[in-house]
Amino acid sequence: MKSKKETKMECDHCHCQPKSTSTGNGVYGLGMIGTAFYFLQHAGSFTDVVMAIVQAVFWPAILVYNALKLLNL
């Protein structure tokens, strides 16, 4: 029977511990930059610029909302 210390060493060795990745953060960041450029190109007033920045930050929620609205869910 293995001791707790031996089991932990084996677990650390085989990479059983969950690791966080930043892939999602990169995709979100690129999406936010692209969305900001898109909406800022169409902005005609200061209010439009503010709304473009808000839309750039919340683009995933807006995307999901419009997709569900399109599917009538």
N, C-alpha and C. Protein backbone atom coordinates (compact mmCIF):
# COMPACT_ATOMS: atom_id res chain seq x y z
N MET A 1 0.84 -1.17 0.00
CA MET A 1 0.00 0.00 0.00
C MET A 1 0.89 1.24 0.00
N LYS A 2 0.52 2.23 -0.80
CA LYS A 2 1.35 3.43 -0.95
C LYS A 2 0.95 4.47 0.09
N SER A 3 1.91 5.22 0.51
CA SER A 3 1.62 6.30 1.45
C SER A 3 1.04 7.48 0.69
N LYS A 4 0.47 8.43 1.43
CA LYS A 4 -0.11 9.61 0.80
C LYS A 4 0.94 10.42 0.06
N LYS A 5 2.14 10.46 0.60
CA LYS A 5 3.21 11.22 -0.02
C LYS A 5 3.58 10.61 -1.37
N GLU A 6 3.67 9.28 -1.45
CA GLU A 6 4.00 8.61 -2.70
C GLU A 6 2.89 8.82 -3.73
N THR A 7 1.64 8.75 -3.29
CA THR A 7 0.52 8.94 -4.19
C THR A 7 0.52 10.35 -4.75
N LYS A 8 0.77 11.34 -3.89
CA LYS A 8 0.81 12.73 -4.34
C LYS A 8 1.93 12.94 -5.33
N MET A 9 3.09 12.37 -5.08
CA MET A 9 4.20 12.52 -6.01
C MET A 9 3.84 11.91 -7.37
N GLU A 10 3.19 10.76 -7.36
CA GLU A 10 2.80 10.15 -8.62
C GLU A 10 1.78 11.02 -9.34
N CYS A 11 0.85 11.59 -8.59
CA CYS A 11 -0.17 12.43 -9.21
C CYS A 11 0.47 13.68 -9.81
N ASP A 12 1.41 14.29 -9.09
CA ASP A 12 2.10 15.46 -9.64
C ASP A 12 2.92 15.07 -10.87
N HIS A 13 3.48 13.89 -10.84
CA HIS A 13 4.32 13.45 -11.94
C HIS A 13 3.51 13.21 -13.21
N CYS A 14 2.30 12.67 -13.06
CA CYS A 14 1.51 12.34 -14.25
C CYS A 14 0.59 13.49 -14.66
N HIS A 15 0.74 14.64 -14.05
CA HIS A 15 0.00 15.85 -14.42
C HIS A 15 -1.51 15.67 -14.23
N CYS A 16 -1.93 15.04 -13.15
CA CYS A 16 -3.34 14.86 -12.87
C CYS A 16 -4.00 16.14 -12.39
N GLN A 17 -3.20 17.08 -11.95
CA GLN A 17 -3.74 18.33 -11.43
C GLN A 17 -4.29 19.14 -12.60
N PRO A 18 -5.49 19.72 -12.43
CA PRO A 18 -6.04 20.55 -13.51
C PRO A 18 -5.20 21.81 -13.70
N LYS A 19 -4.96 22.15 -14.93
CA LYS A 19 -4.19 23.35 -15.23
C LYS A 19 -5.08 24.31 -15.99
N SER A 20 -4.91 25.58 -15.72
CA SER A 20 -5.69 26.57 -16.44
C SER A 20 -4.93 27.00 -17.69
N THR A 21 -5.68 27.25 -18.73
CA THR A 21 -5.08 27.72 -19.97
C THR A 21 -5.66 29.09 -20.28
N SER A 22 -4.95 29.86 -21.03
CA SER A 22 -5.41 31.20 -21.36
C SER A 22 -5.94 31.29 -22.79
N THR A 23 -6.28 30.18 -23.38
CA THR A 23 -6.78 30.19 -24.76
C THR A 23 -8.09 30.96 -24.85
N GLY A 24 -8.98 30.73 -23.91
CA GLY A 24 -10.26 31.44 -23.92
C GLY A 24 -10.08 32.93 -23.74
N ASN A 25 -9.13 33.33 -22.92
CA ASN A 25 -8.88 34.75 -22.73
C ASN A 25 -8.37 35.40 -24.01
N GLY A 26 -7.54 34.70 -24.74
CA GLY A 26 -7.03 35.23 -26.00
C GLY A 26 -8.12 35.39 -27.04
N VAL A 27 -8.98 34.40 -27.13
CA VAL A 27 -10.10 34.45 -28.09
C VAL A 27 -11.04 35.60 -27.72
N TYR A 28 -11.34 35.72 -26.42
CA TYR A 28 -12.21 36.81 -25.97
C TYR A 28 -11.57 38.17 -26.27
N GLY A 29 -10.27 38.28 -26.02
CA GLY A 29 -9.58 39.54 -26.27
C GLY A 29 -9.57 39.92 -27.74
N LEU A 30 -9.29 38.95 -28.60
CA LEU A 30 -9.32 39.24 -30.04
C LEU A 30 -10.72 39.58 -30.51
N GLY A 31 -11.71 38.89 -29.96
CA GLY A 31 -13.10 39.21 -30.31
C GLY A 31 -13.48 40.60 -29.86
N MET A 32 -13.01 40.98 -28.68
CA MET A 32 -13.33 42.31 -28.15
C MET A 32 -12.68 43.39 -29.02
N ILE A 33 -11.45 43.18 -29.43
CA ILE A 33 -10.77 44.17 -30.29
C ILE A 33 -11.47 44.27 -31.65
N GLY A 34 -11.80 43.13 -32.23
CA GLY A 34 -12.48 43.13 -33.52
C GLY A 34 -13.85 43.78 -33.44
N THR A 35 -14.57 43.48 -32.38
CA THR A 35 -15.90 44.08 -32.20
C THR A 35 -15.80 45.58 -32.00
N ALA A 36 -14.80 46.02 -31.24
CA ALA A 36 -14.61 47.46 -31.02
C ALA A 36 -14.32 48.16 -32.35
N PHE A 37 -13.43 47.59 -33.17
CA PHE A 37 -13.16 48.20 -34.48
C PHE A 37 -14.41 48.26 -35.34
N TYR A 38 -15.17 47.18 -35.35
CA TYR A 38 -16.38 47.14 -36.18
C TYR A 38 -17.38 48.21 -35.76
N PHE A 39 -17.70 48.25 -34.47
CA PHE A 39 -18.71 49.19 -34.01
C PHE A 39 -18.20 50.63 -34.02
N LEU A 40 -16.90 50.87 -33.78
CA LEU A 40 -16.38 52.22 -33.80
C LEU A 40 -16.36 52.80 -35.22
N GLN A 41 -16.24 51.94 -36.24
CA GLN A 41 -16.29 52.43 -37.62
C GLN A 41 -17.66 53.00 -37.96
N HIS A 42 -18.69 52.48 -37.31
CA HIS A 42 -20.05 52.90 -37.60
C HIS A 42 -20.56 53.95 -36.61
N ALA A 43 -19.72 54.38 -35.70
CA ALA A 43 -20.13 55.36 -34.69
C ALA A 43 -20.11 56.76 -35.28
N GLY A 44 -21.21 57.48 -35.06
CA GLY A 44 -21.30 58.83 -35.59
C GLY A 44 -21.32 59.90 -34.52
N SER A 45 -21.59 59.51 -33.29
CA SER A 45 -21.66 60.48 -32.20
C SER A 45 -20.97 59.90 -30.97
N PHE A 46 -20.85 60.73 -29.94
CA PHE A 46 -20.22 60.28 -28.70
C PHE A 46 -21.01 59.13 -28.08
N THR A 47 -22.32 59.19 -28.14
CA THR A 47 -23.16 58.12 -27.60
C THR A 47 -22.90 56.81 -28.34
N ASP A 48 -22.72 56.90 -29.65
CA ASP A 48 -22.41 55.71 -30.44
C ASP A 48 -21.06 55.12 -30.05
N VAL A 49 -20.08 55.98 -29.74
CA VAL A 49 -18.77 55.50 -29.31
C VAL A 49 -18.87 54.77 -27.98
N VAL A 50 -19.64 55.33 -27.04
CA VAL A 50 -19.82 54.69 -25.74
C VAL A 50 -20.53 53.35 -25.91
N MET A 51 -21.55 53.30 -26.75
CA MET A 51 -22.26 52.05 -26.99
C MET A 51 -21.35 51.03 -27.69
N ALA A 52 -20.46 51.49 -28.56
CA ALA A 52 -19.53 50.59 -29.23
C ALA A 52 -18.59 49.95 -28.22
N ILE A 53 -18.13 50.71 -27.25
CA ILE A 53 -17.25 50.16 -26.22
C ILE A 53 -18.00 49.16 -25.35
N VAL A 54 -19.24 49.47 -24.99
CA VAL A 54 -20.05 48.54 -24.20
C VAL A 54 -20.30 47.25 -24.98
N GLN A 55 -20.63 47.39 -26.25
CA GLN A 55 -20.86 46.20 -27.08
C GLN A 55 -19.59 45.39 -27.25
N ALA A 56 -18.44 46.04 -27.31
CA ALA A 56 -17.18 45.32 -27.44
C ALA A 56 -16.89 44.49 -26.21
N VAL A 57 -17.26 44.99 -25.03
CA VAL A 57 -17.01 44.25 -23.79
C VAL A 57 -17.98 43.09 -23.65
N PHE A 58 -19.23 43.30 -24.02
CA PHE A 58 -20.27 42.29 -23.80
C PHE A 58 -20.65 41.54 -25.08
N TRP A 59 -19.75 41.46 -26.07
CA TRP A 59 -20.09 40.84 -27.34
C TRP A 59 -20.50 39.37 -27.23
N PRO A 60 -19.94 38.55 -26.32
CA PRO A 60 -20.41 37.16 -26.26
C PRO A 60 -21.87 37.07 -25.83
N ALA A 61 -22.27 37.89 -24.88
CA ALA A 61 -23.67 37.87 -24.43
C ALA A 61 -24.60 38.34 -25.53
N ILE A 62 -24.20 39.36 -26.25
CA ILE A 62 -25.01 39.87 -27.36
C ILE A 62 -25.13 38.82 -28.45
N LEU A 63 -24.03 38.14 -28.74
CA LEU A 63 -24.03 37.08 -29.76
C LEU A 63 -24.98 35.95 -29.38
N VAL A 64 -24.89 35.47 -28.16
CA VAL A 64 -25.76 34.38 -27.70
C VAL A 64 -27.22 34.83 -27.69
N TYR A 65 -27.48 36.04 -27.22
CA TYR A 65 -28.85 36.56 -27.19
C TYR A 65 -29.45 36.61 -28.59
N ASN A 66 -28.71 37.14 -29.54
CA ASN A 66 -29.23 37.23 -30.91
C ASN A 66 -29.38 35.86 -31.55
N ALA A 67 -28.48 34.92 -31.24
CA ALA A 67 -28.60 33.57 -31.78
C ALA A 67 -29.86 32.88 -31.23
N LEU A 68 -30.11 33.03 -29.95
CA LEU A 68 -31.31 32.43 -29.36
C LEU A 68 -32.58 33.10 -29.88
N LYS A 69 -32.52 34.40 -30.09
CA LYS A 69 -33.67 35.12 -30.63
C LYS A 69 -33.95 34.65 -32.05
N LEU A 70 -32.90 34.40 -32.82
CA LEU A 70 -33.05 33.91 -34.19
C LEU A 70 -33.67 32.52 -34.20
N LEU A 71 -33.33 31.70 -33.22
CA LEU A 71 -33.86 30.34 -33.14
C LEU A 71 -35.22 30.28 -32.44
N ASN A 72 -35.74 31.43 -32.05
CA ASN A 72 -37.04 31.54 -31.35
C ASN A 72 -37.07 30.73 -30.07
N LEU A 73 -35.99 30.80 -29.29
CA LEU A 73 -35.95 30.09 -28.00
C LEU A 73 -36.19 31.03 -26.86
